[in-house]
Protein backbone atom coordinates (compact mmCIF):
# COMPACT_ATOMS: atom_id res chain seq x y z
CA MET A 1 10.57 -53.00 13.31
CA ALA A 2 10.57 -52.58 17.07
CA SER A 3 11.10 -49.06 18.30
CA ALA A 4 14.11 -48.64 20.55
CA ALA A 5 15.44 -45.67 22.47
CA VAL A 6 17.74 -43.72 20.17
CA THR A 7 19.93 -40.68 20.69
CA PHE A 8 19.94 -37.57 18.54
CA THR A 9 23.40 -38.47 17.22
CA ASP A 10 22.43 -42.06 16.41
CA LEU A 11 19.33 -40.89 14.59
CA LYS A 12 21.26 -38.32 12.55
CA LYS A 13 23.78 -40.96 11.52
CA SER A 14 21.17 -43.50 10.51
CA ILE A 15 19.32 -40.90 8.43
CA SER A 16 22.52 -39.80 6.67
CA ARG A 17 23.30 -43.46 5.87
CA GLY A 18 19.84 -43.95 4.43
CA GLU A 19 18.90 -46.51 7.10
CA LEU A 20 15.31 -45.38 7.38
CA ALA A 21 12.18 -46.52 9.15
CA PRO A 22 8.78 -45.86 7.54
CA VAL A 23 7.54 -43.92 10.58
CA TYR A 24 9.18 -41.54 13.04
CA ILE A 25 7.61 -39.81 16.00
CA LEU A 26 9.68 -36.92 17.37
CA HIS A 27 8.52 -35.50 20.67
CA GLY A 28 9.79 -33.85 23.83
CA GLU A 29 10.52 -30.55 25.51
CA GLU A 30 13.70 -29.62 23.62
CA GLY A 31 12.62 -28.13 20.30
CA TYR A 32 16.14 -27.82 18.85
CA TYR A 33 16.64 -31.55 18.26
CA ILE A 34 13.23 -31.90 16.63
CA ASP A 35 13.84 -28.94 14.32
CA GLU A 36 17.25 -30.26 13.28
CA LEU A 37 15.95 -33.76 12.60
CA ALA A 38 13.06 -32.37 10.56
CA LYS A 39 15.60 -30.49 8.42
CA GLN A 40 17.59 -33.68 7.94
CA PHE A 41 14.50 -35.59 6.84
CA GLU A 42 13.74 -32.79 4.37
CA SER A 43 17.27 -33.10 2.96
CA LEU A 44 16.54 -36.72 1.99
CA VAL A 45 14.62 -35.33 -0.97
CA PRO A 46 16.78 -33.56 -3.57
CA ALA A 47 15.89 -29.94 -4.20
CA ASP A 48 14.60 -30.62 -7.72
CA GLU A 49 12.20 -33.29 -6.43
CA ARG A 50 10.69 -31.43 -3.49
CA ASP A 51 7.64 -30.19 -5.35
CA PHE A 52 6.63 -33.82 -5.92
CA ASN A 53 8.11 -35.94 -3.13
CA LEU A 54 8.28 -33.73 -0.04
CA TYR A 55 5.11 -32.83 1.84
CA THR A 56 4.98 -30.59 4.90
CA LEU A 57 1.60 -30.77 6.60
CA TYR A 58 0.33 -29.13 9.79
CA ALA A 59 -1.61 -31.42 12.09
CA PRO A 60 -4.13 -28.85 13.44
CA GLU A 61 -5.13 -27.89 9.88
CA THR A 62 -5.00 -31.30 8.15
CA GLU A 63 -7.43 -34.17 8.56
CA PRO A 64 -5.79 -37.48 9.51
CA GLU A 65 -7.39 -39.10 6.46
CA LEU A 66 -5.62 -36.62 4.16
CA ILE A 67 -2.30 -37.27 5.90
CA ALA A 68 -2.78 -41.03 5.44
CA THR A 69 -3.80 -40.58 1.78
CA THR A 70 -0.69 -38.47 1.14
CA CYS A 71 1.50 -41.13 2.74
CA ARG A 72 -0.03 -43.85 0.54
CA ARG A 73 0.91 -42.06 -2.67
CA PHE A 74 3.87 -43.38 -4.57
CA PRO A 75 6.91 -41.17 -5.12
CA ILE A 76 7.26 -39.61 -8.56
CA MET A 77 10.37 -40.82 -10.40
CA ALA A 78 12.14 -41.51 -7.09
CA ASP A 79 12.59 -44.28 -4.53
CA ARG A 80 10.92 -42.48 -1.67
CA GLN A 81 8.80 -39.56 -0.57
CA VAL A 82 8.95 -37.77 2.78
CA VAL A 83 5.87 -36.56 4.63
CA ILE A 84 6.51 -34.32 7.65
CA VAL A 85 3.61 -33.55 9.96
CA LYS A 86 4.38 -30.53 12.13
CA GLU A 87 2.63 -29.01 15.17
CA ALA A 88 1.17 -32.37 16.19
CA GLN A 89 1.20 -31.15 19.79
CA ALA A 90 -1.50 -28.62 18.84
CA ALA A 91 -3.86 -31.24 17.38
CA ARG A 92 -6.48 -33.01 19.46
CA ALA A 93 -5.33 -36.35 20.81
CA ASP A 94 -8.30 -38.20 19.33
CA GLN A 95 -7.57 -36.71 15.90
CA ILE A 96 -3.86 -37.43 15.76
CA ASN A 97 -4.55 -40.89 17.18
CA LYS A 98 -6.50 -41.78 14.00
CA LEU A 99 -3.17 -42.06 12.21
CA HIS A 100 -2.60 -45.37 13.97
CA HIS A 101 -4.43 -47.14 11.15
CA TYR A 102 -1.81 -45.98 8.64
CA VAL A 103 1.12 -46.46 11.04
CA ALA A 104 0.07 -50.09 11.60
CA SER A 105 0.73 -50.77 7.90
CA PRO A 106 2.87 -47.97 6.46
CA THR A 107 3.86 -47.62 2.82
CA PRO A 108 7.50 -48.74 2.43
CA SER A 109 8.34 -45.97 -0.05
CA THR A 110 7.14 -43.21 2.34
CA VAL A 111 8.96 -41.81 5.35
CA LEU A 112 6.37 -40.29 7.70
CA VAL A 113 7.70 -37.94 10.38
CA ILE A 114 5.30 -36.68 13.07
CA CYS A 115 6.64 -33.81 15.19
CA PHE A 116 5.30 -33.03 18.67
CA ARG A 117 7.56 -30.04 19.26
CA GLY A 118 7.97 -29.11 22.93
CA ALA A 119 5.46 -31.65 24.18
CA VAL A 120 5.00 -35.31 24.98
CA ALA A 121 3.49 -37.31 22.12
CA LYS A 122 -0.17 -38.20 22.43
CA GLY A 123 -2.42 -40.81 20.91
CA LYS A 124 -2.30 -44.14 22.72
CA ASP A 125 -2.97 -46.31 19.67
CA LEU A 126 -0.64 -44.24 17.46
CA LEU A 127 2.25 -44.69 19.86
CA ALA A 128 1.56 -48.39 20.32
CA GLN A 129 1.71 -48.96 16.55
CA ALA A 130 4.74 -46.69 16.10
CA ARG A 131 6.69 -48.80 18.58
CA LYS A 132 6.13 -51.79 16.27
CA THR A 133 6.72 -50.24 12.86
CA GLY A 134 8.86 -47.18 13.44
CA ILE A 135 11.06 -45.16 15.76
CA ILE A 136 10.07 -42.86 18.61
CA PHE A 137 12.60 -40.22 19.62
CA GLU A 138 12.21 -38.21 22.81
CA SER A 139 13.94 -34.82 22.69
CA LYS A 140 14.92 -34.17 26.29
CA LYS A 141 15.83 -30.82 27.80
CA LEU A 142 19.34 -30.28 29.04
CA THR A 143 19.63 -30.40 32.81
CA ASP A 144 22.44 -29.70 35.25
CA LYS A 145 22.91 -33.46 35.53
CA ASN A 146 23.19 -34.33 31.84
CA ILE A 147 24.80 -31.19 30.42
CA ASP A 148 28.41 -32.37 30.85
CA SER A 149 27.83 -35.68 29.05
CA THR A 150 25.78 -33.94 26.35
CA VAL A 151 28.44 -31.31 25.64
CA ALA A 152 31.18 -33.96 25.68
CA GLY A 153 29.11 -36.00 23.22
CA ILE A 154 28.66 -33.04 20.86
CA ILE A 155 32.39 -32.36 20.96
CA LYS A 156 33.17 -36.01 20.22
CA ASP A 157 30.69 -36.09 17.31
CA LEU A 158 32.41 -33.04 15.83
CA GLY A 159 35.73 -34.89 15.91
CA LEU A 160 37.21 -32.84 18.74
CA THR A 161 38.43 -33.48 22.26
CA VAL A 162 38.13 -31.13 25.23
CA GLU A 163 40.04 -30.22 28.36
CA GLU A 164 38.15 -30.40 31.64
CA LYS A 165 38.38 -26.66 32.24
CA GLY A 166 37.20 -25.98 28.69
CA LEU A 167 34.17 -28.18 29.22
CA ASN A 168 33.28 -26.30 32.38
CA MET A 169 33.75 -22.92 30.71
CA LEU A 170 31.34 -23.88 27.94
CA ARG A 171 28.80 -25.25 30.40
CA ASP A 172 28.88 -22.20 32.65
CA TYR A 173 28.88 -19.65 29.81
CA ILE A 174 26.28 -21.18 27.49
CA GLY A 175 24.17 -22.94 30.09
CA LEU A 176 21.27 -25.15 29.03
CA ASP A 177 20.72 -23.55 25.61
CA VAL A 178 21.17 -26.51 23.23
CA ALA A 179 20.94 -24.46 20.04
CA LYS A 180 23.61 -22.03 21.20
CA MET A 181 25.83 -24.89 22.37
CA TYR A 182 25.66 -26.59 18.96
CA ASN A 183 26.26 -23.32 17.13
CA GLU A 184 29.31 -22.37 19.20
CA LEU A 185 30.84 -25.84 19.06
CA THR A 186 30.22 -26.18 15.32
CA LYS A 187 31.98 -22.84 14.85
CA LEU A 188 34.90 -24.10 16.94
CA SER A 189 35.14 -27.32 14.92
CA MET A 190 35.30 -25.36 11.66
CA ILE A 191 38.05 -23.11 13.04
CA LEU A 192 40.12 -25.74 14.83
CA GLY A 193 39.63 -28.68 12.46
CA LYS A 194 39.02 -32.35 13.23
CA GLY A 195 41.15 -33.94 15.91
CA ALA A 196 41.87 -30.65 17.67
CA MET A 197 41.68 -30.15 21.41
CA VAL A 198 39.17 -27.60 22.71
CA THR A 199 41.25 -25.67 25.26
CA PRO A 200 40.42 -22.66 27.45
CA GLU A 201 42.66 -20.62 25.14
CA SER A 202 40.78 -21.65 21.99
CA ILE A 203 37.46 -20.90 23.69
CA GLU A 204 38.69 -17.48 24.76
CA GLN A 205 39.97 -16.64 21.26
CA ASN A 206 36.99 -17.93 19.27
CA ILE A 207 33.95 -17.71 21.55
CA GLY A 208 34.96 -14.78 23.71
CA ILE A 209 34.89 -16.36 27.16
CA SER A 210 37.85 -15.26 29.26
CA LYS A 211 39.90 -18.24 30.39
CA ASP A 212 40.83 -16.42 33.60
CA TYR A 213 37.65 -14.49 34.40
CA ASN A 214 34.63 -16.75 34.19
CA ASN A 215 32.12 -18.45 36.45
CA PHE A 216 34.19 -21.64 36.65
CA GLU A 217 37.20 -19.73 37.99
CA LEU A 218 34.95 -17.72 40.31
CA VAL A 219 33.45 -20.82 41.89
CA ASP A 220 36.93 -22.26 42.42
CA ALA A 221 38.00 -19.00 44.08
CA ILE A 222 34.91 -19.03 46.31
CA ALA A 223 35.51 -22.67 47.24
CA SER A 224 39.05 -21.86 48.37
CA ARG A 225 37.93 -18.55 49.95
CA ASN A 226 40.41 -16.62 47.84
CA ALA A 227 38.92 -13.15 48.38
CA LEU A 228 41.40 -11.32 46.14
CA LYS A 229 40.62 -13.56 43.17
CA VAL A 230 36.85 -13.43 43.83
CA TYR A 231 36.74 -9.63 43.78
CA THR A 232 39.10 -9.43 40.80
CA ILE A 233 36.75 -11.64 38.78
CA ILE A 234 33.66 -9.76 39.97
CA ASN A 235 35.22 -6.45 38.93
CA TYR A 236 35.97 -7.93 35.51
CA PHE A 237 32.33 -9.00 35.22
CA ARG A 238 31.20 -5.49 36.15
CA ALA A 239 33.39 -4.07 33.36
CA ASN A 240 32.04 -6.64 30.86
CA PRO A 241 28.37 -6.98 31.84
CA LYS A 242 26.99 -8.22 28.51
CA LYS A 243 29.15 -11.34 28.53
CA ASN A 244 28.85 -11.88 32.28
CA PRO A 245 25.28 -11.27 33.51
CA ALA A 246 25.19 -11.36 37.29
CA ILE A 247 22.13 -13.60 37.39
CA LEU A 248 24.00 -16.36 35.51
CA THR A 249 26.95 -15.98 37.87
CA ALA A 250 24.64 -16.36 40.85
CA SER A 251 23.08 -19.43 39.22
CA ALA A 252 26.51 -21.08 38.89
CA VAL A 253 27.33 -20.25 42.53
CA PHE A 254 23.93 -21.54 43.67
CA ALA A 255 24.49 -24.83 41.81
CA TYR A 256 27.86 -25.21 43.53
CA PHE A 257 26.59 -24.63 47.07
CA SER A 258 23.52 -26.82 46.51
CA SER A 259 25.85 -29.68 45.56
CA LEU A 260 28.23 -28.82 48.41
CA LEU A 261 25.37 -29.11 50.89
CA MET A 262 24.59 -32.60 49.56
CA CYS A 263 28.21 -33.56 50.20
CA GLN A 264 28.16 -32.09 53.70
CA PHE A 265 25.09 -34.08 54.69
CA SER A 266 26.23 -37.30 53.05
CA ARG A 267 27.03 -40.02 55.54
CA ASP A 268 29.58 -41.55 53.20
CA LYS A 269 32.12 -38.91 52.25
CA SER A 270 34.47 -41.20 50.37
CA PRO A 271 35.43 -39.95 46.89
CA GLY A 272 33.50 -42.72 45.17
CA ALA A 273 30.33 -42.08 47.16
CA LEU A 274 30.46 -38.33 46.60
CA MET A 275 31.10 -38.75 42.88
CA ALA A 276 28.08 -41.03 42.63
CA LEU A 277 25.99 -38.61 44.68
CA LEU A 278 26.86 -35.67 42.41
CA ASP A 279 26.87 -37.76 39.21
CA LEU A 280 30.48 -36.79 38.42
CA LYS A 281 32.52 -38.64 35.81
CA TRP A 282 36.04 -37.60 36.76
CA GLN A 283 37.59 -37.41 40.20
CA VAL A 284 39.18 -34.06 39.35
CA GLN A 285 35.62 -32.63 39.32
CA LEU A 286 35.32 -33.52 42.99
CA ARG A 287 38.27 -31.35 44.00
CA ARG A 288 36.31 -28.10 44.36
CA PHE A 289 33.81 -29.82 46.66
CA GLU A 290 36.55 -31.31 48.82
CA VAL A 291 38.08 -27.83 49.07
CA GLY A 292 34.66 -26.36 49.85
CA MET A 293 34.03 -28.83 52.67
CA ARG A 294 37.30 -27.74 54.26
CA ASN A 295 36.36 -24.06 54.08
CA TYR A 296 32.62 -24.06 54.78
CA ASN A 297 30.48 -25.96 57.23
CA ALA A 298 26.87 -26.97 56.58
CA TYR A 299 25.47 -24.03 58.57
CA GLN A 300 27.46 -21.58 56.47
CA THR A 301 26.32 -23.28 53.29
CA ILE A 302 22.66 -23.05 54.29
CA GLU A 303 23.11 -19.36 55.10
CA ILE A 304 24.81 -18.78 51.73
CA ILE A 305 22.01 -20.52 49.83
CA SER A 306 19.55 -18.26 51.63
CA ALA A 307 21.62 -15.22 50.64
CA LEU A 308 21.63 -16.38 47.02
CA ARG A 309 17.84 -16.60 47.03
CA ASP A 310 17.67 -13.13 48.52
CA PHE A 311 19.99 -11.89 45.76
CA ASP A 312 17.69 -13.38 43.13
CA VAL A 313 14.68 -11.54 44.59
CA LYS A 314 16.52 -8.22 44.79
CA CYS A 315 17.83 -8.58 41.22
CA LYS A 316 14.19 -8.65 40.12
CA GLY A 317 13.69 -5.26 41.76
CA ILE A 318 11.90 -6.52 44.84
CA GLY A 319 13.14 -4.73 47.96
CA SER A 320 16.14 -3.14 46.30
CA ARG A 321 17.07 -0.57 43.63
CA GLN A 322 20.77 -1.36 43.56
CA SER A 323 22.48 -2.47 40.35
CA GLU A 324 22.94 -6.21 39.88
CA PHE A 325 26.72 -5.88 40.23
CA ASP A 326 26.47 -3.93 43.47
CA LEU A 327 24.23 -6.72 44.73
CA LEU A 328 26.68 -9.32 43.41
CA HIS A 329 29.57 -7.63 45.23
CA GLN A 330 27.57 -7.70 48.47
CA LEU A 331 26.70 -11.34 47.86
CA MET A 332 30.36 -12.27 47.48
CA HIS A 333 31.17 -10.48 50.75
CA HIS A 334 28.35 -12.36 52.47
CA ILE A 335 29.62 -15.70 51.11
CA LEU A 336 33.22 -15.11 52.11
CA THR A 337 32.32 -13.95 55.63
CA ALA A 338 29.27 -16.11 56.34
CA PRO A 339 29.28 -16.99 60.05
CA GLY A 340 26.64 -19.69 59.66
CA ASN A 341 24.18 -18.03 62.00
CA ILE A 342 20.97 -19.86 61.24
CA THR A 343 18.09 -20.96 63.41
CA PHE A 344 15.61 -23.79 62.91
């Protein structure tokens, strides 16, 4: 069996259908996916069989020979056994690599799962053999570039659809925390039911993000230089600090102006070119950048990015003892009145 690139969703579906490879290597920076897949592999063995047909071993404490011997055992009164090797990232590369002898000719009635949680898999020979006989899954961290498609994919897998504003609210509120994203969306799917639309209203009611006072709305207000709306939202954040930490707000604003600067320096400012530059899927996502380019020039944007970095430093207590929301208020004033006075 040749190993091919698989997604988390594809792998979950194949496991639930019982379409199993004899060997799986799970590795990568995002621990959530690896933990969830390990649980799913464990669930392949019924509870009353786990004492006999489910083995959880820890690579730093278990000799490769013992792992291989365990894998070569036959299941007891069952069709398969599952052997999960955890903490492989903490084992020496030369030790974990010894498993390549077993992986080259695995036992068909055993499913071996090797987990390199939070790290890239190691063992040159092990990986080479796993590509031939099993499946290698890389658990990648969420990034600003892939978060929209990832969240949209989770929503689709849960049988829901989502409005554009709702997607942005989730992204800005939850950020790059995959576990929290899955938990919140799973909760929404249970409340709303399959086929439902995830709207700003349903997010506000069930997750607690205000549909009118959030980072998405703030960035839109900043883009259009709507001072009244900017300060109204900031005052709401000040009154609800636990749900609206200033540092996350600044991060959302920084991401916007960083992308705006790319647009301003792009030679081709056609909608198609800018969407490709920013890796946007829908033209409606481009609107805030088109508005921003009308209201800010590149010099102002550079000055604002500098002010955002200064805000970050002061929020950490360096050079300032002001509260984060006093600093945020000053930052908004600086953004809205930035003259673009910069020197090179």
